[in-house]
Full PDB file with SEQRES, HELIX, SHEET, SSBOND, CRYST1, ORIGX, SCALE, CONECT and MASTER records, all heavy atoms in Angstrom:
SEQRES   1 A   33  VAL VAL PRO GLY ASP HIS GLU LEU GLY TYR ARG LEU ALA          
SEQRES   2 A   33  LEU SER THR ASP PRO LYS GLY GLY ILE SER GLY GLU SER          
SEQRES   3 A   33  LEU ASP SER PHE PHE HIS VAL                                  
HELIX    1 AA1 ASP A    5  LEU A    8  1                                   4    
HELIX    2 AA2 GLY A   24  HIS A   32  1                                   9    
CRYST1    1.000    1.000    1.000  90.00  90.00  90.00 P 1           1          
ORIGX1      1.000000  0.000000  0.000000        0.00000                         
ORIGX2      0.000000  1.000000  0.000000        0.00000                         
ORIGX3      0.000000  0.000000  1.000000        0.00000                         
SCALE1      1.000000  0.000000  0.000000        0.00000                         
SCALE2      0.000000  1.000000  0.000000        0.00000                         
SCALE3      0.000000  0.000000  1.000000        0.00000                         
ATOM      1  N   VAL A   1      -7.922  -2.054  -9.510  1.00  0.00           N  
ATOM      2  CA  VAL A   1      -8.402  -1.387 -10.721  1.00  0.00           C  
ATOM      3  C   VAL A   1      -7.857  -2.146 -11.929  1.00  0.00           C  
ATOM      4  O   VAL A   1      -6.648  -2.191 -12.165  1.00  0.00           O  
ATOM      5  CB  VAL A   1      -7.960   0.088 -10.769  1.00  0.00           C  
ATOM      6  CG1 VAL A   1      -8.492   0.751 -12.042  1.00  0.00           C  
ATOM      7  CG2 VAL A   1      -8.466   0.840  -9.542  1.00  0.00           C  
ATOM      8  N   VAL A   2      -8.754  -2.771 -12.680  1.00  0.00           N  
ATOM      9  CA  VAL A   2      -8.381  -3.496 -13.894  1.00  0.00           C  
ATOM     10  C   VAL A   2      -8.240  -2.481 -15.028  1.00  0.00           C  
ATOM     11  O   VAL A   2      -9.138  -1.663 -15.239  1.00  0.00           O  
ATOM     12  CB  VAL A   2      -9.467  -4.542 -14.246  1.00  0.00           C  
ATOM     13  CG1 VAL A   2      -9.114  -5.272 -15.528  1.00  0.00           C  
ATOM     14  CG2 VAL A   2      -9.652  -5.530 -13.090  1.00  0.00           C  
ATOM     15  N   PRO A   3      -7.134  -2.474 -15.765  1.00  0.00           N  
ATOM     16  CA  PRO A   3      -6.976  -1.489 -16.838  1.00  0.00           C  
ATOM     17  C   PRO A   3      -7.968  -1.709 -17.977  1.00  0.00           C  
ATOM     18  O   PRO A   3      -8.128  -2.826 -18.462  1.00  0.00           O  
ATOM     19  CB  PRO A   3      -5.528  -1.698 -17.316  1.00  0.00           C  
ATOM     20  CG  PRO A   3      -5.160  -3.071 -16.866  1.00  0.00           C  
ATOM     21  CD  PRO A   3      -5.950  -3.340 -15.623  1.00  0.00           C  
ATOM     22  N   GLY A   4      -8.641  -0.635 -18.376  1.00  0.00           N  
ATOM     23  CA  GLY A   4      -9.578  -0.692 -19.496  1.00  0.00           C  
ATOM     24  C   GLY A   4      -9.024   0.042 -20.700  1.00  0.00           C  
ATOM     25  O   GLY A   4      -7.873   0.498 -20.710  1.00  0.00           O  
ATOM     26  N   ASP A   5      -9.844   0.193 -21.721  1.00  0.00           N  
ATOM     27  CA  ASP A   5      -9.412   0.879 -22.940  1.00  0.00           C  
ATOM     28  C   ASP A   5      -9.123   2.356 -22.676  1.00  0.00           C  
ATOM     29  O   ASP A   5      -8.164   2.912 -23.212  1.00  0.00           O  
ATOM     30  CB  ASP A   5     -10.498   0.767 -24.018  1.00  0.00           C  
ATOM     31  CG  ASP A   5     -10.806  -0.681 -24.349  1.00  0.00           C  
ATOM     32  OD1 ASP A   5      -9.859  -1.433 -24.622  1.00  0.00           O  
ATOM     33  OD2 ASP A   5     -11.989  -1.065 -24.314  1.00  0.00           O  
ATOM     34  N   HIS A   6      -9.949   2.989 -21.857  1.00  0.00           N  
ATOM     35  CA  HIS A   6      -9.767   4.418 -21.597  1.00  0.00           C  
ATOM     36  C   HIS A   6      -8.515   4.686 -20.769  1.00  0.00           C  
ATOM     37  O   HIS A   6      -7.964   5.778 -20.826  1.00  0.00           O  
ATOM     38  CB  HIS A   6     -10.998   4.997 -20.897  1.00  0.00           C  
ATOM     39  CG  HIS A   6     -12.191   5.117 -21.788  1.00  0.00           C  
ATOM     40  ND1 HIS A   6     -12.430   6.217 -22.578  1.00  0.00           N  
ATOM     41  CD2 HIS A   6     -13.204   4.253 -22.028  1.00  0.00           C  
ATOM     42  CE1 HIS A   6     -13.550   6.036 -23.262  1.00  0.00           C  
ATOM     43  NE2 HIS A   6     -14.040   4.848 -22.942  1.00  0.00           N  
ATOM     44  N   GLU A   7      -8.086   3.703 -19.990  1.00  0.00           N  
ATOM     45  CA  GLU A   7      -6.866   3.887 -19.191  1.00  0.00           C  
ATOM     46  C   GLU A   7      -5.602   3.669 -20.013  1.00  0.00           C  
ATOM     47  O   GLU A   7      -4.577   4.287 -19.747  1.00  0.00           O  
ATOM     48  CB  GLU A   7      -6.850   2.923 -17.992  1.00  0.00           C  
ATOM     49  CG  GLU A   7      -7.738   3.341 -16.844  1.00  0.00           C  
ATOM     50  CD  GLU A   7      -9.177   2.914 -17.009  1.00  0.00           C  
ATOM     51  OE1 GLU A   7      -9.437   1.911 -17.705  1.00  0.00           O  
ATOM     52  OE2 GLU A   7     -10.061   3.581 -16.453  1.00  0.00           O  
ATOM     53  N   LEU A   8      -5.641   2.766 -20.997  1.00  0.00           N  
ATOM     54  CA  LEU A   8      -4.420   2.407 -21.725  1.00  0.00           C  
ATOM     55  C   LEU A   8      -4.399   2.894 -23.166  1.00  0.00           C  
ATOM     56  O   LEU A   8      -3.357   2.856 -23.812  1.00  0.00           O  
ATOM     57  CB  LEU A   8      -4.237   0.883 -21.716  1.00  0.00           C  
ATOM     58  CG  LEU A   8      -3.993   0.225 -20.356  1.00  0.00           C  
ATOM     59  CD1 LEU A   8      -3.726  -1.257 -20.542  1.00  0.00           C  
ATOM     60  CD2 LEU A   8      -2.843   0.876 -19.619  1.00  0.00           C  
ATOM     61  N   GLY A   9      -5.539   3.342 -23.673  1.00  0.00           N  
ATOM     62  CA  GLY A   9      -5.607   3.748 -25.075  1.00  0.00           C  
ATOM     63  C   GLY A   9      -6.236   2.659 -25.920  1.00  0.00           C  
ATOM     64  O   GLY A   9      -6.115   1.471 -25.620  1.00  0.00           O  
ATOM     65  N   TYR A  10      -6.928   3.035 -26.986  1.00  0.00           N  
ATOM     66  CA  TYR A  10      -7.634   2.039 -27.781  1.00  0.00           C  
ATOM     67  C   TYR A  10      -7.793   2.461 -29.234  1.00  0.00           C  
ATOM     68  O   TYR A  10      -7.726   3.634 -29.590  1.00  0.00           O  
ATOM     69  CB  TYR A  10      -9.021   1.773 -27.188  1.00  0.00           C  
ATOM     70  CG  TYR A  10      -9.926   2.987 -27.106  1.00  0.00           C  
ATOM     71  CD1 TYR A  10     -10.732   3.349 -28.184  1.00  0.00           C  
ATOM     72  CD2 TYR A  10      -9.976   3.756 -25.955  1.00  0.00           C  
ATOM     73  CE1 TYR A  10     -11.561   4.455 -28.111  1.00  0.00           C  
ATOM     74  CE2 TYR A  10     -10.804   4.864 -25.873  1.00  0.00           C  
ATOM     75  CZ  TYR A  10     -11.593   5.210 -26.960  1.00  0.00           C  
ATOM     76  OH  TYR A  10     -12.408   6.317 -26.877  1.00  0.00           O  
ATOM     77  N   ARG A  11      -7.981   1.434 -30.058  1.00  0.00           N  
ATOM     78  CA  ARG A  11      -8.411   1.610 -31.449  1.00  0.00           C  
ATOM     79  C   ARG A  11      -9.559   0.637 -31.659  1.00  0.00           C  
ATOM     80  O   ARG A  11      -9.359  -0.502 -32.044  1.00  0.00           O  
ATOM     81  CB  ARG A  11      -7.257   1.323 -32.406  1.00  0.00           C  
ATOM     82  CG  ARG A  11      -6.224   2.434 -32.447  1.00  0.00           C  
ATOM     83  CD  ARG A  11      -4.948   1.979 -33.118  1.00  0.00           C  
ATOM     84  NE  ARG A  11      -5.161   1.614 -34.506  1.00  0.00           N  
ATOM     85  CZ  ARG A  11      -4.271   0.961 -35.243  1.00  0.00           C  
ATOM     86  NH1 ARG A  11      -3.130   0.578 -34.700  1.00  0.00           N  
ATOM     87  NH2 ARG A  11      -4.504   0.674 -36.505  1.00  0.00           N  
ATOM     88  N   LEU A  12     -10.747   1.107 -31.363  1.00  0.00           N  
ATOM     89  CA  LEU A  12     -11.937   0.288 -31.520  1.00  0.00           C  
ATOM     90  C   LEU A  12     -12.666   0.696 -32.798  1.00  0.00           C  
ATOM     91  O   LEU A  12     -12.239   1.609 -33.508  1.00  0.00           O  
ATOM     92  CB  LEU A  12     -12.839   0.450 -30.292  1.00  0.00           C  
ATOM     93  CG  LEU A  12     -12.170   0.127 -28.942  1.00  0.00           C  
ATOM     94  CD1 LEU A  12     -13.130   0.406 -27.794  1.00  0.00           C  
ATOM     95  CD2 LEU A  12     -11.697  -1.303 -28.891  1.00  0.00           C  
ATOM     96  N   ALA A  13     -13.766   0.028 -33.049  1.00  0.00           N  
ATOM     97  CA  ALA A  13     -14.480   0.273 -34.309  1.00  0.00           C  
ATOM     98  C   ALA A  13     -14.954   1.717 -34.462  1.00  0.00           C  
ATOM     99  O   ALA A  13     -15.093   2.217 -35.574  1.00  0.00           O  
ATOM    100  CB  ALA A  13     -15.664  -0.679 -34.406  1.00  0.00           C  
ATOM    101  N   LEU A  14     -15.209   2.425 -33.351  1.00  0.00           N  
ATOM    102  CA  LEU A  14     -15.700   3.806 -33.422  1.00  0.00           C  
ATOM    103  C   LEU A  14     -14.622   4.823 -33.015  1.00  0.00           C  
ATOM    104  O   LEU A  14     -14.945   5.965 -32.689  1.00  0.00           O  
ATOM    105  CB  LEU A  14     -16.931   3.974 -32.530  1.00  0.00           C  
ATOM    106  CG  LEU A  14     -18.171   3.198 -32.982  1.00  0.00           C  
ATOM    107  CD1 LEU A  14     -19.257   3.258 -31.923  1.00  0.00           C  
ATOM    108  CD2 LEU A  14     -18.702   3.751 -34.304  1.00  0.00           C  
ATOM    109  N   SER A  15     -13.354   4.430 -33.057  1.00  0.00           N  
ATOM    110  CA  SER A  15     -12.269   5.343 -32.688  1.00  0.00           C  
ATOM    111  C   SER A  15     -12.219   6.537 -33.634  1.00  0.00           C  
ATOM    112  O   SER A  15     -12.501   6.419 -34.832  1.00  0.00           O  
ATOM    113  CB  SER A  15     -10.926   4.619 -32.727  1.00  0.00           C  
ATOM    114  OG  SER A  15     -10.855   3.641 -31.718  1.00  0.00           O  
ATOM    115  N   THR A  16     -11.850   7.718 -33.071  1.00  0.00           N  
ATOM    116  CA  THR A  16     -11.791   8.942 -33.877  1.00  0.00           C  
ATOM    117  C   THR A  16     -10.429   9.624 -33.804  1.00  0.00           C  
ATOM    118  O   THR A  16     -10.255  10.703 -34.344  1.00  0.00           O  
ATOM    119  CB  THR A  16     -12.872   9.948 -33.410  1.00  0.00           C  
ATOM    120  OG1 THR A  16     -12.686  10.213 -32.013  1.00  0.00           O  
ATOM    121  CG2 THR A  16     -14.266   9.396 -33.635  1.00  0.00           C  
ATOM    122  N   ASP A  17      -9.468   8.991 -33.133  1.00  0.00           N  
ATOM    123  CA  ASP A  17      -8.114   9.531 -33.040  1.00  0.00           C  
ATOM    124  C   ASP A  17      -7.213   8.669 -33.923  1.00  0.00           C  
ATOM    125  O   ASP A  17      -6.979   7.507 -33.638  1.00  0.00           O  
ATOM    126  CB  ASP A  17      -7.640   9.481 -31.580  1.00  0.00           C  
ATOM    127  CG  ASP A  17      -6.251  10.083 -31.391  1.00  0.00           C  
ATOM    128  OD1 ASP A  17      -5.543  10.270 -32.395  1.00  0.00           O  
ATOM    129  OD2 ASP A  17      -5.882  10.372 -30.244  1.00  0.00           O  
ATOM    130  N   PRO A  18      -6.688   9.209 -35.021  1.00  0.00           N  
ATOM    131  CA  PRO A  18      -5.879   8.403 -35.952  1.00  0.00           C  
ATOM    132  C   PRO A  18      -4.617   7.827 -35.310  1.00  0.00           C  
ATOM    133  O   PRO A  18      -4.063   6.862 -35.822  1.00  0.00           O  
ATOM    134  CB  PRO A  18      -5.540   9.385 -37.070  1.00  0.00           C  
ATOM    135  CG  PRO A  18      -5.763  10.741 -36.506  1.00  0.00           C  
ATOM    136  CD  PRO A  18      -6.844  10.595 -35.489  1.00  0.00           C  
ATOM    137  N   LYS A  19      -4.170   8.411 -34.217  1.00  0.00           N  
ATOM    138  CA  LYS A  19      -2.987   7.897 -33.526  1.00  0.00           C  
ATOM    139  C   LYS A  19      -3.355   7.241 -32.206  1.00  0.00           C  
ATOM    140  O   LYS A  19      -2.513   7.041 -31.339  1.00  0.00           O  
ATOM    141  CB  LYS A  19      -1.980   9.024 -33.289  1.00  0.00           C  
ATOM    142  CG  LYS A  19      -1.384   9.586 -34.578  1.00  0.00           C  
ATOM    143  CD  LYS A  19      -0.332  10.636 -34.277  1.00  0.00           C  
ATOM    144  CE  LYS A  19       0.253  11.200 -35.574  1.00  0.00           C  
ATOM    145  NZ  LYS A  19       1.273  12.245 -35.282  1.00  0.00           N  
ATOM    146  N   GLY A  20      -4.629   6.899 -32.059  1.00  0.00           N  
ATOM    147  CA  GLY A  20      -5.082   6.270 -30.835  1.00  0.00           C  
ATOM    148  C   GLY A  20      -4.524   4.868 -30.678  1.00  0.00           C  
ATOM    149  O   GLY A  20      -4.155   4.213 -31.652  1.00  0.00           O  
ATOM    150  N   GLY A  21      -4.459   4.408 -29.438  1.00  0.00           N  
ATOM    151  CA  GLY A  21      -3.973   3.065 -29.161  1.00  0.00           C  
ATOM    152  C   GLY A  21      -3.023   3.058 -27.991  1.00  0.00           C  
ATOM    153  O   GLY A  21      -2.624   4.104 -27.489  1.00  0.00           O  
ATOM    154  N   ILE A  22      -2.673   1.865 -27.544  1.00  0.00           N  
ATOM    155  CA  ILE A  22      -1.754   1.769 -26.421  1.00  0.00           C  
ATOM    156  C   ILE A  22      -0.346   2.150 -26.861  1.00  0.00           C  
ATOM    157  O   ILE A  22      -0.021   2.138 -28.054  1.00  0.00           O  
ATOM    158  CB  ILE A  22      -1.761   0.365 -25.785  1.00  0.00           C  
ATOM    159  CG1 ILE A  22      -1.210  -0.699 -26.752  1.00  0.00           C  
ATOM    160  CG2 ILE A  22      -3.139  -0.018 -25.315  1.00  0.00           C  
ATOM    161  CD1 ILE A  22      -1.017  -2.056 -26.097  1.00  0.00           C  
ATOM    162  N   SER A  23       0.476   2.487 -25.895  1.00  0.00           N  
ATOM    163  CA  SER A  23       1.862   2.857 -26.167  1.00  0.00           C  
ATOM    164  C   SER A  23       2.686   2.525 -24.930  1.00  0.00           C  
ATOM    165  O   SER A  23       2.140   2.241 -23.858  1.00  0.00           O  
ATOM    166  CB  SER A  23       1.967   4.355 -26.477  1.00  0.00           C  
ATOM    167  OG  SER A  23       1.589   5.122 -25.334  1.00  0.00           O  
ATOM    168  N   GLY A  24       3.990   2.577 -25.078  1.00  0.00           N  
ATOM    169  CA  GLY A  24       4.853   2.370 -23.925  1.00  0.00           C  
ATOM    170  C   GLY A  24       4.576   3.386 -22.842  1.00  0.00           C  
ATOM    171  O   GLY A  24       4.573   3.063 -21.646  1.00  0.00           O  
ATOM    172  N   GLU A  25       4.296   4.627 -23.270  1.00  0.00           N  
ATOM    173  CA  GLU A  25       4.028   5.698 -22.311  1.00  0.00           C  
ATOM    174  C   GLU A  25       2.726   5.457 -21.553  1.00  0.00           C  
ATOM    175  O   GLU A  25       2.655   5.663 -20.338  1.00  0.00           O  
ATOM    176  CB  GLU A  25       3.975   7.041 -23.032  1.00  0.00           C  
ATOM    177  CG  GLU A  25       3.849   8.234 -22.096  1.00  0.00           C  
ATOM    178  CD  GLU A  25       3.833   9.564 -22.825  1.00  0.00           C  
ATOM    179  OE1 GLU A  25       4.035   9.585 -24.056  1.00  0.00           O  
ATOM    180  OE2 GLU A  25       3.607  10.592 -22.155  1.00  0.00           O  
ATOM    181  N   SER A  26       1.675   4.999 -22.253  1.00  0.00           N  
ATOM    182  CA  SER A  26       0.388   4.784 -21.569  1.00  0.00           C  
ATOM    183  C   SER A  26       0.468   3.608 -20.602  1.00  0.00           C  
ATOM    184  O   SER A  26      -0.107   3.639 -19.513  1.00  0.00           O  
ATOM    185  CB  SER A  26      -0.736   4.565 -22.591  1.00  0.00           C  
ATOM    186  OG  SER A  26      -0.623   3.328 -23.263  1.00  0.00           O  
ATOM    187  N   LEU A  27       1.198   2.548 -20.982  1.00  0.00           N  
ATOM    188  CA  LEU A  27       1.380   1.413 -20.077  1.00  0.00           C  
ATOM    189  C   LEU A  27       2.158   1.832 -18.837  1.00  0.00           C  
ATOM    190  O   LEU A  27       1.822   1.472 -17.710  1.00  0.00           O  
ATOM    191  CB  LEU A  27       2.129   0.272 -20.787  1.00  0.00           C  
ATOM    192  CG  LEU A  27       1.405  -0.403 -21.957  1.00  0.00           C  
ATOM    193  CD1 LEU A  27       2.340  -1.356 -22.674  1.00  0.00           C  
ATOM    194  CD2 LEU A  27       0.169  -1.139 -21.495  1.00  0.00           C  
ATOM    195  N   ASP A  28       3.208   2.628 -19.071  1.00  0.00           N  
ATOM    196  CA  ASP A  28       4.056   3.089 -17.970  1.00  0.00           C  
ATOM    197  C   ASP A  28       3.279   4.002 -17.026  1.00  0.00           C  
ATOM    198  O   ASP A  28       3.403   3.902 -15.805  1.00  0.00           O  
ATOM    199  CB  ASP A  28       5.270   3.827 -18.545  1.00  0.00           C  
ATOM    200  CG  ASP A  28       6.329   4.084 -17.492  1.00  0.00           C  
ATOM    201  OD1 ASP A  28       6.793   3.125 -16.869  1.00  0.00           O  
ATOM    202  OD2 ASP A  28       6.678   5.264 -17.295  1.00  0.00           O  
ATOM    203  N   SER A  29       2.438   4.882 -17.599  1.00  0.00           N  
ATOM    204  CA  SER A  29       1.693   5.822 -16.760  1.00  0.00           C  
ATOM    205  C   SER A  29       0.668   5.094 -15.906  1.00  0.00           C  
ATOM    206  O   SER A  29       0.464   5.426 -14.736  1.00  0.00           O  
ATOM    207  CB  SER A  29       1.020   6.908 -17.609  1.00  0.00           C  
ATOM    208  OG  SER A  29      -0.011   6.382 -18.409  1.00  0.00           O  
ATOM    209  N   PHE A  30       0.018   4.058 -16.451  1.00  0.00           N  
ATOM    210  CA  PHE A  30      -0.945   3.297 -15.642  1.00  0.00           C  
ATOM    211  C   PHE A  30      -0.226   2.630 -14.476  1.00  0.00           C  
ATOM    212  O   PHE A  30      -0.699   2.685 -13.334  1.00  0.00           O  
ATOM    213  CB  PHE A  30      -1.651   2.234 -16.492  1.00  0.00           C  
ATOM    214  CG  PHE A  30      -2.712   1.472 -15.731  1.00  0.00           C  
ATOM    215  CD1 PHE A  30      -4.028   1.920 -15.730  1.00  0.00           C  
ATOM    216  CD2 PHE A  30      -2.398   0.347 -14.995  1.00  0.00           C  
ATOM    217  CE1 PHE A  30      -5.013   1.243 -15.004  1.00  0.00           C  
ATOM    218  CE2 PHE A  30      -3.366  -0.349 -14.271  1.00  0.00           C  
ATOM    219  CZ  PHE A  30      -4.677   0.112 -14.286  1.00  0.00           C  
ATOM    220  N   PHE A  31       0.909   2.010 -14.768  1.00  0.00           N  
ATOM    221  CA  PHE A  31       1.637   1.287 -13.727  1.00  0.00           C  
ATOM    222  C   PHE A  31       2.070   2.221 -12.593  1.00  0.00           C  
ATOM    223  O   PHE A  31       1.923   1.892 -11.420  1.00  0.00           O  
ATOM    224  CB  PHE A  31       2.858   0.591 -14.332  1.00  0.00           C  
ATOM    225  CG  PHE A  31       3.680  -0.147 -13.318  1.00  0.00           C  
ATOM    226  CD1 PHE A  31       3.272  -1.383 -12.852  1.00  0.00           C  
ATOM    227  CD2 PHE A  31       4.852   0.394 -12.823  1.00  0.00           C  
ATOM    228  CE1 PHE A  31       4.019  -2.074 -11.898  1.00  0.00           C  
ATOM    229  CE2 PHE A  31       5.610  -0.279 -11.872  1.00  0.00           C  
ATOM    230  CZ  PHE A  31       5.187  -1.522 -11.415  1.00  0.00           C  
ATOM    231  N   HIS A  32       2.576   3.401 -12.939  1.00  0.00           N  
ATOM    232  CA  HIS A  32       3.098   4.303 -11.917  1.00  0.00           C  
ATOM    233  C   HIS A  32       2.019   5.139 -11.223  1.00  0.00           C  
ATOM    234  O   HIS A  32       2.181   5.535 -10.073  1.00  0.00           O  
ATOM    235  CB  HIS A  32       4.155   5.233 -12.531  1.00  0.00           C  
ATOM    236  CG  HIS A  32       5.454   4.531 -12.807  1.00  0.00           C  
ATOM    237  ND1 HIS A  32       5.791   4.066 -14.053  1.00  0.00           N  
ATOM    238  CD2 HIS A  32       6.467   4.170 -11.984  1.00  0.00           C  
ATOM    239  CE1 HIS A  32       6.975   3.467 -13.996  1.00  0.00           C  
ATOM    240  NE2 HIS A  32       7.406   3.515 -12.753  1.00  0.00           N  
ATOM    241  N   VAL A  33       0.910   5.387 -11.924  1.00  0.00           N  
ATOM    242  CA  VAL A  33      -0.140   6.223 -11.342  1.00  0.00           C  
ATOM    243  C   VAL A  33      -1.193   5.376 -10.634  1.00  0.00           C  
ATOM    244  O   VAL A  33      -1.717   5.769  -9.591  1.00  0.00           O  
ATOM    245  CB  VAL A  33      -0.793   7.106 -12.439  1.00  0.00           C  
ATOM    246  CG1 VAL A  33      -2.008   7.815 -11.901  1.00  0.00           C  
ATOM    247  CG2 VAL A  33       0.212   8.118 -12.977  1.00  0.00           C  
TER     248      VAL A  33                                                      
MASTER        0    0    0    2    0    0    0    6  247    1    0    3          
END                                                                             
C-alpha cells in the first residue's frame, strides 16, 4: 500500500481544513497501522 494524501494528510488546492496536512502523528499512524 503506497501512502496517498488521504492516508497521510494533505493541503491541496481544494483543501477545506485550515489545519490539514501531514504531521508526525499521521506518519506514525500509517507506519504502525
